[in-house]
Amino acid sequence: MQIDMKEVKIFSGTSNVELAEKIAKRLGQKLGDAQIVRFKDGEIYVRVDETVRGRDVFIIQPTSGPVNENLMELLIFIDALKRASAKTINVLMPYYGYARQERKSSPREPITAKLVANLLTTAGANRLVGMDLHADQIQGFYDIPVDHLQALPLLAKYFLSKGFKGDDVVVVSPDIGGVKRARKLAEWLDCKIAIIDKRRPKPNLSEVMNLIGDVEGKIAIFIDDMIDTAGTITNGVEAIMNRGAKESYICCSHAILSDPAVDRLAKCPVKEVVITDTIRLPEEKRIDKIKVLSVDVLFAKAIERIVKHESVSELFDSIDTFEE
């Protein structure tokens, strides 16, 4: 996969350099030269050390934890590129921080996902490329093009390679809100779905109330867009195992894994936790149960299609998209 580097530059923030390097390598390129410095008082300084004048620039920066640090770094990087006369500034945000604050569920709450959209646009971004946004309506917060990538075919391909397909398998949504996502995976695996009916008395705490669907004797695959403290997903696994499931797997796009998520997953009766590398996974969180799939091929192909003015949505028509 080759693109004309004379017109394109690829840069990375500090949030997930490993993923950025893999994406650039897929395109036969090296990451652009830039200095990112943090002063003792917390200020962030960015300087681009090569010309970007008249170039289409792609900057890769998931705004995972520390969210505010990485978001501010991205904004400063965009400003530096804009002032250096980049032709277009395309933000590749594999994980969109603040995506869970996308609506007002009670009075006097912010819609912070919209605020982030305003900040990125005002800073000078010309395009956003995200993956599995927590809510589809986030695309509508922007007045610039938004390409919404999906990890679903990548996850489906992995489970199909293990022979998980048909009536022996059930895809489980950990809550009502994830039913659409579960149905899509079930279509790939040609199986039925089940739904966990949960109650959330407060943030990062959930209780399983009911199970909708049949899991007895089946291989259960839980799917969610993100795993934070893992309370919801591990409670769900225990509930379906108690109801006769043969074995269980978990998959998600974004592994936030805030404490005590890793400990919960380690103790949970789940056989494997399949995640992607949209968020960098530190060594201390790499337990044996966790399987990491890379989204580098998908983002590299998205960059190539954007540069060539080709359809990005066609990437999700087949799992063959993820062939190297």
C-alpha atoms as a PDB file:
ATOM      1  CA  MET A   1       0.000   0.000   0.000  1.00  0.00           C
ATOM      2  CA  GLN A   2       1.703   3.196  -1.167  1.00  0.00           C
ATOM      3  CA  ILE A   3       0.620   6.841  -1.199  1.00  0.00           C
ATOM      4  CA  ASP A   4       2.377   9.879  -2.592  1.00  0.00           C
ATOM      5  CA  MET A   5       4.252  11.233   0.418  1.00  0.00           C
ATOM      6  CA  LYS A   6       5.021  14.439  -1.451  1.00  0.00           C
ATOM      7  CA  GLU A   7       1.485  15.572  -0.711  1.00  0.00           C
ATOM      8  CA  VAL A   8       0.819  13.715   2.584  1.00  0.00           C
ATOM      9  CA  LYS A   9       2.358  13.899   6.042  1.00  0.00           C
ATOM     10  CA  ILE A  10       1.502  11.607   8.981  1.00  0.00           C
ATOM     11  CA  PHE A  11       2.177  12.724  12.555  1.00  0.00           C
ATOM     12  CA  SER A  12       1.494  11.235  15.968  1.00  0.00           C
ATOM     13  CA  GLY A  13       0.786  12.640  19.380  1.00  0.00           C
ATOM     14  CA  THR A  14       2.116  10.853  22.453  1.00  0.00           C
ATOM     15  CA  SER A  15      -1.069   8.963  23.331  1.00  0.00           C
ATOM     16  CA  ASN A  16      -0.509   5.872  21.150  1.00  0.00           C
ATOM     17  CA  VAL A  17       2.723   6.145  19.193  1.00  0.00           C
ATOM     18  CA  GLU A  18       2.866   2.359  18.683  1.00  0.00           C
ATOM     19  CA  LEU A  19      -0.383   2.345  16.695  1.00  0.00           C
ATOM     20  CA  ALA A  20       0.658   5.443  14.714  1.00  0.00           C
ATOM     21  CA  GLU A  21       3.953   3.811  13.744  1.00  0.00           C
ATOM     22  CA  LYS A  22       2.123   0.678  12.560  1.00  0.00           C
ATOM     23  CA  ILE A  23      -0.290   2.749  10.473  1.00  0.00           C
ATOM     24  CA  ALA A  24       2.541   4.720   8.867  1.00  0.00           C
ATOM     25  CA  LYS A  25       4.468   1.501   8.183  1.00  0.00           C
ATOM     26  CA  ARG A  26       1.423   0.022   6.425  1.00  0.00           C
ATOM     27  CA  LEU A  27       1.558   3.008   4.101  1.00  0.00           C
ATOM     28  CA  GLY A  28       5.288   2.613   3.540  1.00  0.00           C
ATOM     29  CA  GLN A  29       5.997   5.879   5.346  1.00  0.00           C
ATOM     30  CA  LYS A  30       7.658   7.226   8.477  1.00  0.00           C
ATOM     31  CA  LEU A  31       5.996   9.461  11.031  1.00  0.00           C
ATOM     32  CA  GLY A  32       6.651  13.171  10.613  1.00  0.00           C
ATOM     33  CA  ASP A  33       9.182  14.931  12.813  1.00  0.00           C
ATOM     34  CA  ALA A  34       7.747  16.958  15.679  1.00  0.00           C
ATOM     35  CA  GLN A  35       8.744  17.931  19.193  1.00  0.00           C
ATOM     36  CA  ILE A  36       6.234  17.576  22.025  1.00  0.00           C
ATOM     37  CA  VAL A  37       7.456  18.965  25.335  1.00  0.00           C
ATOM     38  CA  ARG A  38       5.745  19.232  28.719  1.00  0.00           C
ATOM     39  CA  PHE A  39       6.978  21.982  30.996  1.00  0.00           C
ATOM     40  CA  LYS A  40       7.159  21.498  34.742  1.00  0.00           C
ATOM     41  CA  ASP A  41       3.980  23.497  35.298  1.00  0.00           C
ATOM     42  CA  GLY A  42       2.051  21.209  32.905  1.00  0.00           C
ATOM     43  CA  GLU A  43       2.082  23.389  29.793  1.00  0.00           C
ATOM     44  CA  ILE A  44       2.411  21.511  26.493  1.00  0.00           C
ATOM     45  CA  TYR A  45       4.622  22.754  23.666  1.00  0.00           C
ATOM     46  CA  VAL A  46       4.486  21.360  20.104  1.00  0.00           C
ATOM     47  CA  ARG A  47       6.799  22.221  17.241  1.00  0.00           C
ATOM     48  CA  VAL A  48       6.606  20.646  13.788  1.00  0.00           C
ATOM     49  CA  ASP A  49      10.165  20.084  12.562  1.00  0.00           C
ATOM     50  CA  GLU A  50       9.486  19.662   8.840  1.00  0.00           C
ATOM     51  CA  THR A  51       7.516  21.588   6.265  1.00  0.00           C
ATOM     52  CA  VAL A  52       3.813  20.869   5.955  1.00  0.00           C
ATOM     53  CA  ARG A  53       2.956  23.840   3.754  1.00  0.00           C
ATOM     54  CA  GLY A  54       0.344  22.821   1.205  1.00  0.00           C
ATOM     55  CA  ARG A  55       0.288  19.204   2.418  1.00  0.00           C
ATOM     56  CA  ASP A  56      -2.582  16.963   3.498  1.00  0.00           C
ATOM     57  CA  VAL A  57      -1.673  16.191   7.100  1.00  0.00           C
ATOM     58  CA  PHE A  58      -2.954  13.294   9.217  1.00  0.00           C
ATOM     59  CA  ILE A  59      -2.426  13.420  12.972  1.00  0.00           C
ATOM     60  CA  ILE A  60      -3.064  10.289  15.033  1.00  0.00           C
ATOM     61  CA  GLN A  61      -4.062  10.864  18.647  1.00  0.00           C
ATOM     62  CA  PRO A  62      -6.653   8.885  20.656  1.00  0.00           C
ATOM     63  CA  THR A  63      -7.842  10.997  23.590  1.00  0.00           C
ATOM     64  CA  SER A  64      -7.677   8.219  26.157  1.00  0.00           C
ATOM     65  CA  GLY A  65      -6.381   8.631  29.698  1.00  0.00           C
ATOM     66  CA  PRO A  66      -5.137  11.073  30.739  1.00  0.00           C
ATOM     67  CA  VAL A  67      -7.997  12.439  28.640  1.00  0.00           C
ATOM     68  CA  ASN A  68      -7.511  16.152  29.254  1.00  0.00           C
ATOM     69  CA  GLU A  69      -3.741  15.949  28.680  1.00  0.00           C
ATOM     70  CA  ASN A  70      -4.115  14.135  25.382  1.00  0.00           C
ATOM     71  CA  LEU A  71      -6.971  16.326  24.190  1.00  0.00           C
ATOM     72  CA  MET A  72      -5.049  19.525  24.929  1.00  0.00           C
ATOM     73  CA  GLU A  73      -1.964  18.119  23.218  1.00  0.00           C
ATOM     74  CA  LEU A  74      -4.058  17.386  20.127  1.00  0.00           C
ATOM     75  CA  LEU A  75      -5.512  20.894  20.055  1.00  0.00           C
ATOM     76  CA  ILE A  76      -2.050  22.456  20.302  1.00  0.00           C
ATOM     77  CA  PHE A  77      -0.733  20.145  17.584  1.00  0.00           C
ATOM     78  CA  ILE A  78      -3.603  21.158  15.280  1.00  0.00           C
ATOM     79  CA  ASP A  79      -2.891  24.828  15.939  1.00  0.00           C
ATOM     80  CA  ALA A  80       0.789  24.332  15.104  1.00  0.00           C
ATOM     81  CA  LEU A  81      -0.114  22.634  11.818  1.00  0.00           C
ATOM     82  CA  LYS A  82      -2.643  25.319  10.906  1.00  0.00           C
ATOM     83  CA  ARG A  83      -0.123  28.092  11.512  1.00  0.00           C
ATOM     84  CA  ALA A  84       2.398  26.149   9.408  1.00  0.00           C
ATOM     85  CA  SER A  85       0.000  26.420   6.421  1.00  0.00           C
ATOM     86  CA  ALA A  86      -1.008  22.760   6.133  1.00  0.00           C
ATOM     87  CA  LYS A  87      -3.477  22.303   3.293  1.00  0.00           C
ATOM     88  CA  THR A  88      -5.809  20.012   5.295  1.00  0.00           C
ATOM     89  CA  ILE A  89      -5.605  18.748   8.866  1.00  0.00           C
ATOM     90  CA  ASN A  90      -7.175  15.325   9.267  1.00  0.00           C
ATOM     91  CA  VAL A  91      -7.552  14.139  12.868  1.00  0.00           C
ATOM     92  CA  LEU A  92      -7.445  10.370  13.353  1.00  0.00           C
ATOM     93  CA  MET A  93      -8.935   9.747  16.777  1.00  0.00           C
ATOM     94  CA  PRO A  94      -9.129   5.970  17.303  1.00  0.00           C
ATOM     95  CA  TYR A  95     -10.733   6.597  20.713  1.00  0.00           C
ATOM     96  CA  TYR A  96     -12.932   9.665  21.259  1.00  0.00           C
ATOM     97  CA  GLY A  97     -12.630  10.918  24.841  1.00  0.00           C
ATOM     98  CA  TYR A  98     -15.812  12.366  26.392  1.00  0.00           C
ATOM     99  CA  ALA A  99     -17.966  10.353  23.953  1.00  0.00           C
ATOM    100  CA  ARG A 100     -20.117   9.137  26.865  1.00  0.00           C
ATOM    101  CA  GLN A 101     -21.220  12.717  27.562  1.00  0.00           C
ATOM    102  CA  GLU A 102     -23.195  13.028  24.337  1.00  0.00           C
ATOM    103  CA  ARG A 103     -26.618  14.083  25.691  1.00  0.00           C
ATOM    104  CA  LYS A 104     -28.384  15.680  28.623  1.00  0.00           C
ATOM    105  CA  SER A 105     -29.931  12.931  30.736  1.00  0.00           C
ATOM    106  CA  SER A 106     -30.778  15.299  33.592  1.00  0.00           C
ATOM    107  CA  PRO A 107     -31.046  19.090  34.031  1.00  0.00           C
ATOM    108  CA  ARG A 108     -27.973  21.346  34.052  1.00  0.00           C
ATOM    109  CA  GLU A 109     -25.615  18.773  32.519  1.00  0.00           C
ATOM    110  CA  PRO A 110     -23.054  19.547  29.788  1.00  0.00           C
ATOM    111  CA  ILE A 111     -22.904  17.874  26.394  1.00  0.00           C
ATOM    112  CA  THR A 112     -19.136  17.540  26.483  1.00  0.00           C
ATOM    113  CA  ALA A 113     -18.837  15.444  23.311  1.00  0.00           C
ATOM    114  CA  LYS A 114     -20.223  18.479  21.450  1.00  0.00           C
ATOM    115  CA  LEU A 115     -17.799  20.773  23.276  1.00  0.00           C
ATOM    116  CA  VAL A 116     -14.911  18.589  22.073  1.00  0.00           C
ATOM    117  CA  ALA A 117     -16.266  18.896  18.525  1.00  0.00           C
ATOM    118  CA  ASN A 118     -16.304  22.689  18.837  1.00  0.00           C
ATOM    119  CA  LEU A 119     -12.745  22.725  20.205  1.00  0.00           C
ATOM    120  CA  LEU A 120     -11.336  20.547  17.412  1.00  0.00           C
ATOM    121  CA  THR A 121     -13.098  22.527  14.687  1.00  0.00           C
ATOM    122  CA  THR A 122     -12.092  25.894  16.124  1.00  0.00           C
ATOM    123  CA  ALA A 123      -8.480  24.731  16.481  1.00  0.00           C
ATOM    124  CA  GLY A 124      -8.422  24.053  12.736  1.00  0.00           C
ATOM    125  CA  ALA A 125      -9.316  20.408  12.062  1.00  0.00           C
ATOM    126  CA  ASN A 126     -10.760  19.814   8.570  1.00  0.00           C
ATOM    127  CA  ARG A 127     -11.814  16.187   9.078  1.00  0.00           C
ATOM    128  CA  LEU A 128     -12.329  13.707  11.902  1.00  0.00           C
ATOM    129  CA  VAL A 129     -11.735   9.990  11.497  1.00  0.00           C
ATOM    130  CA  GLY A 130     -13.051   8.116  14.523  1.00  0.00           C
ATOM    131  CA  MET A 131     -13.754   4.521  15.427  1.00  0.00           C
ATOM    132  CA  ASP A 132     -16.856   3.113  17.107  1.00  0.00           C
ATOM    133  CA  LEU A 133     -18.070   6.370  18.598  1.00  0.00           C
ATOM    134  CA  HIS A 134     -20.121   5.715  21.717  1.00  0.00           C
ATOM    135  CA  ALA A 135     -23.122   7.353  20.050  1.00  0.00           C
ATOM    136  CA  ASP A 136     -23.703   7.820  16.320  1.00  0.00           C
ATOM    137  CA  GLN A 137     -25.142  11.304  16.844  1.00  0.00           C
ATOM    138  CA  ILE A 138     -21.640  12.589  17.675  1.00  0.00           C
ATOM    139  CA  GLN A 139     -21.095  12.784  13.913  1.00  0.00           C
ATOM    140  CA  GLY A 140     -23.828  15.420  13.818  1.00  0.00           C
ATOM    141  CA  PHE A 141     -21.924  17.605  16.292  1.00  0.00           C
ATOM    142  CA  TYR A 142     -19.444  18.448  13.528  1.00  0.00           C
ATOM    143  CA  ASP A 143     -19.735  20.788  10.540  1.00  0.00           C
ATOM    144  CA  ILE A 144     -16.701  19.117   8.961  1.00  0.00           C
ATOM    145  CA  PRO A 145     -16.566  15.623   7.378  1.00  0.00           C
ATOM    146  CA  VAL A 146     -16.578  12.731   9.873  1.00  0.00           C
ATOM    147  CA  ASP A 147     -15.555   9.210   8.851  1.00  0.00           C
ATOM    148  CA  HIS A 148     -16.872   6.672  11.363  1.00  0.00           C
ATOM    149  CA  LEU A 149     -14.795   3.482  11.212  1.00  0.00           C
ATOM    150  CA  GLN A 150     -15.936   0.184  12.741  1.00  0.00           C
ATOM    151  CA  ALA A 151     -13.918  -2.579  14.394  1.00  0.00           C
ATOM    152  CA  LEU A 152     -16.847  -5.008  14.071  1.00  0.00           C
ATOM    153  CA  PRO A 153     -15.639  -6.824  10.913  1.00  0.00           C
ATOM    154  CA  LEU A 154     -12.209  -7.258  12.521  1.00  0.00           C
ATOM    155  CA  LEU A 155     -13.785  -8.823  15.634  1.00  0.00           C
ATOM    156  CA  ALA A 156     -16.082 -10.968  13.506  1.00  0.00           C
ATOM    157  CA  LYS A 157     -13.156 -12.229  11.445  1.00  0.00           C
ATOM    158  CA  TYR A 158     -11.336 -13.286  14.621  1.00  0.00           C
ATOM    159  CA  PHE A 159     -14.260 -15.289  15.988  1.00  0.00           C
ATOM    160  CA  LEU A 160     -14.990 -16.858  12.589  1.00  0.00           C
ATOM    161  CA  SER A 161     -11.348 -17.995  12.475  1.00  0.00           C
ATOM    162  CA  LYS A 162     -12.032 -19.869  15.731  1.00  0.00           C
ATOM    163  CA  GLY A 163     -15.026 -21.603  14.151  1.00  0.00           C
ATOM    164  CA  PHE A 164     -17.612 -19.662  16.175  1.00  0.00           C
ATOM    165  CA  LYS A 165     -20.672 -19.605  13.950  1.00  0.00           C
ATOM    166  CA  GLY A 166     -24.261 -20.835  13.886  1.00  0.00           C
ATOM    167  CA  ASP A 167     -26.661 -22.163  16.495  1.00  0.00           C
ATOM    168  CA  ASP A 168     -23.938 -23.086  19.012  1.00  0.00           C
ATOM    169  CA  VAL A 169     -23.086 -19.397  19.430  1.00  0.00           C
ATOM    170  CA  VAL A 170     -24.987 -16.483  20.936  1.00  0.00           C
ATOM    171  CA  VAL A 171     -23.942 -12.822  20.894  1.00  0.00           C
ATOM    172  CA  VAL A 172     -24.779 -11.036  24.139  1.00  0.00           C
ATOM    173  CA  SER A 173     -25.411  -7.331  24.533  1.00  0.00           C
ATOM    174  CA  PRO A 174     -24.506  -6.197  28.075  1.00  0.00           C
ATOM    175  CA  ASP A 175     -27.315  -3.614  28.004  1.00  0.00           C
ATOM    176  CA  ILE A 176     -30.296  -2.472  25.956  1.00  0.00           C
ATOM    177  CA  GLY A 177     -28.268   0.297  24.312  1.00  0.00           C
ATOM    178  CA  GLY A 178     -25.867  -2.171  22.708  1.00  0.00           C
ATOM    179  CA  VAL A 179     -28.484  -4.283  20.923  1.00  0.00           C
ATOM    180  CA  LYS A 180     -27.763  -2.782  17.486  1.00  0.00           C
ATOM    181  CA  ARG A 181     -24.070  -3.592  17.831  1.00  0.00           C
ATOM    182  CA  ALA A 182     -24.823  -7.145  18.998  1.00  0.00           C
ATOM    183  CA  ARG A 183     -27.183  -7.731  16.079  1.00  0.00           C
ATOM    184  CA  LYS A 184     -24.510  -6.697  13.585  1.00  0.00           C
ATOM    185  CA  LEU A 185     -21.998  -9.152  15.036  1.00  0.00           C
ATOM    186  CA  ALA A 186     -24.680 -11.867  15.134  1.00  0.00           C
ATOM    187  CA  GLU A 187     -25.286 -11.324  11.416  1.00  0.00           C
ATOM    188  CA  TRP A 188     -21.601 -11.941  10.688  1.00  0.00           C
ATOM    189  CA  LEU A 189     -21.626 -15.079  12.877  1.00  0.00           C
ATOM    190  CA  ASP A 190     -25.057 -16.264  11.690  1.00  0.00           C
ATOM    191  CA  CYS A 191     -26.354 -16.691  15.238  1.00  0.00           C
ATOM    192  CA  LYS A 192     -28.936 -15.310  17.666  1.00  0.00           C
ATOM    193  CA  ILE A 193     -28.544 -12.643  20.337  1.00  0.00           C
ATOM    194  CA  ALA A 194     -29.296 -12.301  24.032  1.00  0.00           C
ATOM    195  CA  ILE A 195     -29.695  -9.104  26.038  1.00  0.00           C
ATOM    196  CA  ILE A 196     -28.776  -8.286  29.620  1.00  0.00           C
ATOM    197  CA  ASP A 197     -31.328  -6.058  31.325  1.00  0.00           C
ATOM    198  CA  LYS A 198     -29.343  -4.075  33.856  1.00  0.00           C
ATOM    199  CA  ARG A 199     -29.840  -1.274  36.322  1.00  0.00           C
ATOM    200  CA  ARG A 200     -27.195   1.401  36.881  1.00  0.00           C
ATOM    201  CA  PRO A 201     -27.684   3.016  40.296  1.00  0.00           C
ATOM    202  CA  LYS A 202     -24.670   5.306  39.755  1.00  0.00           C
ATOM    203  CA  PRO A 203     -21.780   5.764  37.254  1.00  0.00           C
ATOM    204  CA  ASN A 204     -19.398   2.779  36.916  1.00  0.00           C
ATOM    205  CA  LEU A 205     -21.781   0.529  38.878  1.00  0.00           C
ATOM    206  CA  SER A 206     -24.356  -1.827  37.397  1.00  0.00           C
ATOM    207  CA  GLU A 207     -26.631  -4.662  38.521  1.00  0.00           C
ATOM    208  CA  VAL A 208     -27.995  -7.450  36.321  1.00  0.00           C
ATOM    209  CA  MET A 209     -31.782  -7.657  36.541  1.00  0.00           C
ATOM    210  CA  ASN A 210     -32.935 -10.019  33.764  1.00  0.00           C
ATOM    211  CA  LEU A 211     -31.664 -11.992  30.777  1.00  0.00           C
ATOM    212  CA  ILE A 212     -33.536 -11.893  27.478  1.00  0.00           C
ATOM    213  CA  GLY A 213     -32.699 -14.822  25.183  1.00  0.00           C
ATOM    214  CA  ASP A 214     -31.359 -18.380  25.376  1.00  0.00           C
ATOM    215  CA  VAL A 215     -27.731 -18.997  26.382  1.00  0.00           C
ATOM    216  CA  GLU A 216     -27.892 -22.521  27.785  1.00  0.00           C
ATOM    217  CA  GLY A 217     -25.220 -24.779  26.307  1.00  0.00           C
ATOM    218  CA  LYS A 218     -23.976 -22.049  23.966  1.00  0.00           C
ATOM    219  CA  ILE A 219     -20.723 -20.159  23.453  1.00  0.00           C
ATOM    220  CA  ALA A 220     -21.582 -16.622  24.539  1.00  0.00           C
ATOM    221  CA  ILE A 221     -19.762 -13.636  23.028  1.00  0.00           C
ATOM    222  CA  PHE A 222     -20.268 -10.323  24.806  1.00  0.00           C
ATOM    223  CA  ILE A 223     -19.716  -7.229  22.693  1.00  0.00           C
ATOM    224  CA  ASP A 224     -19.464  -3.595  23.771  1.00  0.00           C
ATOM    225  CA  ASP A 225     -17.873  -0.462  22.368  1.00  0.00           C
ATOM    226  CA  MET A 226     -15.694   0.051  25.446  1.00  0.00           C
ATOM    227  CA  ILE A 227     -14.708  -1.553  28.732  1.00  0.00           C
ATOM    228  CA  ASP A 228     -13.939   0.920  31.508  1.00  0.00           C
ATOM    229  CA  THR A 229     -14.060  -0.559  35.017  1.00  0.00           C
ATOM    230  CA  ALA A 230     -15.477  -3.850  33.629  1.00  0.00           C
ATOM    231  CA  GLY A 231     -18.222  -4.016  36.251  1.00  0.00           C
ATOM    232  CA  THR A 232     -21.069  -4.279  33.732  1.00  0.00           C
ATOM    233  CA  ILE A 233     -19.438  -6.869  31.503  1.00  0.00           C
ATOM    234  CA  THR A 234     -18.140  -9.137  34.284  1.00  0.00           C
ATOM    235  CA  ASN A 235     -21.519  -9.108  36.062  1.00  0.00           C
ATOM    236  CA  GLY A 236     -23.076 -10.090  32.748  1.00  0.00           C
ATOM    237  CA  VAL A 237     -20.627 -12.964  32.228  1.00  0.00           C
ATOM    238  CA  GLU A 238     -21.340 -14.353  35.696  1.00  0.00           C
ATOM    239  CA  ALA A 239     -25.077 -14.079  35.052  1.00  0.00           C
ATOM    240  CA  ILE A 240     -25.030 -16.018  31.782  1.00  0.00           C
ATOM    241  CA  MET A 241     -22.636 -18.661  33.123  1.00  0.00           C
ATOM    242  CA  ASN A 242     -25.069 -19.205  36.008  1.00  0.00           C
ATOM    243  CA  ARG A 243     -27.788 -19.673  33.397  1.00  0.00           C
ATOM    244  CA  GLY A 244     -25.980 -22.528  31.672  1.00  0.00           C
ATOM    245  CA  ALA A 245     -23.733 -20.975  29.025  1.00  0.00           C
ATOM    246  CA  LYS A 246     -21.008 -23.347  27.847  1.00  0.00           C
ATOM    247  CA  GLU A 247     -18.242 -20.723  27.838  1.00  0.00           C
ATOM    248  CA  SER A 248     -17.974 -16.978  27.417  1.00  0.00           C
ATOM    249  CA  TYR A 249     -15.878 -14.464  25.527  1.00  0.00           C
ATOM    250  CA  ILE A 250     -15.738 -10.668  25.690  1.00  0.00           C
ATOM    251  CA  CYS A 251     -14.887  -8.321  22.841  1.00  0.00           C
ATOM    252  CA  CYS A 252     -14.776  -4.549  22.553  1.00  0.00           C
ATOM    253  CA  SER A 253     -13.223  -1.786  20.478  1.00  0.00           C
ATOM    254  CA  HIS A 254     -11.824   0.388  23.264  1.00  0.00           C
ATOM    255  CA  ALA A 255     -10.103  -1.111  26.303  1.00  0.00           C
ATOM    256  CA  ILE A 256     -10.010   1.773  28.779  1.00  0.00           C
ATOM    257  CA  LEU A 257      -9.524  -0.675  31.670  1.00  0.00           C
ATOM    258  CA  SER A 258      -9.614   1.735  34.594  1.00  0.00           C
ATOM    259  CA  ASP A 259      -8.953   0.168  37.999  1.00  0.00           C
ATOM    260  CA  PRO A 260     -10.142  -2.376  39.040  1.00  0.00           C
ATOM    261  CA  ALA A 261     -10.976  -3.629  35.517  1.00  0.00           C
ATOM    262  CA  VAL A 262      -7.955  -5.910  35.018  1.00  0.00           C
ATOM    263  CA  ASP A 263      -8.466  -7.550  38.405  1.00  0.00           C
ATOM    264  CA  ARG A 264     -12.157  -8.099  37.658  1.00  0.00           C
ATOM    265  CA  LEU A 265     -11.407  -9.626  34.266  1.00  0.00           C
ATOM    266  CA  ALA A 266      -8.740 -11.877  35.754  1.00  0.00           C
ATOM    267  CA  LYS A 267     -11.221 -13.243  38.316  1.00  0.00           C
ATOM    268  CA  CYS A 268     -14.157 -13.410  35.903  1.00  0.00           C
ATOM    269  CA  PRO A 269     -15.127 -16.818  34.401  1.00  0.00           C
ATOM    270  CA  VAL A 270     -14.447 -15.555  30.864  1.00  0.00           C
ATOM    271  CA  LYS A 271     -12.188 -17.507  28.544  1.00  0.00           C
ATOM    272  CA  GLU A 272     -10.817 -14.610  26.497  1.00  0.00           C
ATOM    273  CA  VAL A 273     -11.093 -10.828  26.272  1.00  0.00           C
ATOM    274  CA  VAL A 274     -10.624  -9.626  22.689  1.00  0.00           C
ATOM    275  CA  ILE A 275      -9.798  -5.926  22.306  1.00  0.00           C
ATOM    276  CA  THR A 276      -8.242  -3.616  19.725  1.00  0.00           C
ATOM    277  CA  ASP A 277      -5.262  -1.285  20.080  1.00  0.00           C
ATOM    278  CA  THR A 278      -7.181   1.991  19.711  1.00  0.00           C
ATOM    279  CA  ILE A 279      -5.933   2.667  23.250  1.00  0.00           C
ATOM    280  CA  ARG A 280      -2.370   1.750  24.187  1.00  0.00           C
ATOM    281  CA  LEU A 281      -2.366  -1.151  26.646  1.00  0.00           C
ATOM    282  CA  PRO A 282       0.454  -0.821  29.212  1.00  0.00           C
ATOM    283  CA  GLU A 283       2.441  -3.921  30.140  1.00  0.00           C
ATOM    284  CA  GLU A 284       0.984  -4.124  33.645  1.00  0.00           C
ATOM    285  CA  LYS A 285      -2.472  -4.644  32.143  1.00  0.00           C
ATOM    286  CA  ARG A 286      -1.482  -7.362  29.650  1.00  0.00           C
ATOM    287  CA  ILE A 287      -2.927 -10.433  31.340  1.00  0.00           C
ATOM    288  CA  ASP A 288      -3.092 -13.808  29.574  1.00  0.00           C
ATOM    289  CA  LYS A 289      -6.841 -13.538  28.946  1.00  0.00           C
ATOM    290  CA  ILE A 290      -6.455 -10.416  26.824  1.00  0.00           C
ATOM    291  CA  LYS A 291      -6.043 -10.774  23.058  1.00  0.00           C
ATOM    292  CA  VAL A 292      -5.169  -7.555  21.196  1.00  0.00           C
ATOM    293  CA  LEU A 293      -6.148  -7.081  17.543  1.00  0.00           C
ATOM    294  CA  SER A 294      -4.626  -4.167  15.662  1.00  0.00           C
ATOM    295  CA  VAL A 295      -6.694  -1.641  13.713  1.00  0.00           C
ATOM    296  CA  ASP A 296      -3.640  -0.433  11.787  1.00  0.00           C
ATOM    297  CA  VAL A 297      -4.754  -1.946   8.475  1.00  0.00           C
ATOM    298  CA  LEU A 298      -8.164  -0.287   8.702  1.00  0.00           C
ATOM    299  CA  PHE A 299      -6.808   3.179   9.502  1.00  0.00           C
ATOM    300  CA  ALA A 300      -4.107   2.867   6.840  1.00  0.00           C
ATOM    301  CA  LYS A 301      -6.706   1.951   4.217  1.00  0.00           C
ATOM    302  CA  ALA A 302      -8.923   4.814   5.401  1.00  0.00           C
ATOM    303  CA  ILE A 303      -6.055   7.283   4.929  1.00  0.00           C
ATOM    304  CA  GLU A 304      -5.367   5.900   1.479  1.00  0.00           C
ATOM    305  CA  ARG A 305      -9.027   6.205   0.453  1.00  0.00           C
ATOM    306  CA  ILE A 306      -9.324   9.741   1.833  1.00  0.00           C
ATOM    307  CA  VAL A 307      -6.241  10.832  -0.116  1.00  0.00           C
ATOM    308  CA  LYS A 308      -7.557   9.185  -3.300  1.00  0.00           C
ATOM    309  CA  HIS A 309     -11.087  10.552  -2.735  1.00  0.00           C
ATOM    310  CA  GLU A 310     -12.551   7.039  -2.596  1.00  0.00           C
ATOM    311  CA  SER A 311     -15.373   5.614  -0.479  1.00  0.00           C
ATOM    312  CA  VAL A 312     -14.485   4.826   3.133  1.00  0.00           C
ATOM    313  CA  SER A 313     -17.769   3.030   3.922  1.00  0.00           C
ATOM    314  CA  GLU A 314     -16.888   0.256   1.458  1.00  0.00           C
ATOM    315  CA  LEU A 315     -14.228  -0.891   3.924  1.00  0.00           C
ATOM    316  CA  PHE A 316     -16.950  -2.534   6.029  1.00  0.00           C
ATOM    317  CA  ASP A 317     -18.616  -4.577   3.322  1.00  0.00           C
ATOM    318  CA  SER A 318     -16.377  -7.610   3.892  1.00  0.00           C
ATOM    319  CA  ILE A 319     -14.007  -9.047   6.470  1.00  0.00           C
ATOM    320  CA  ASP A 320     -11.495  -9.342   3.635  1.00  0.00           C
ATOM    321  CA  THR A 321     -10.876  -5.632   4.254  1.00  0.00           C
ATOM    322  CA  PHE A 322      -8.571  -6.668   7.060  1.00  0.00           C
ATOM    323  CA  GLU A 323      -6.372  -8.916   4.968  1.00  0.00           C
ATOM    324  CA  GLU A 324      -2.786  -7.721   5.171  1.00  0.00           C
END
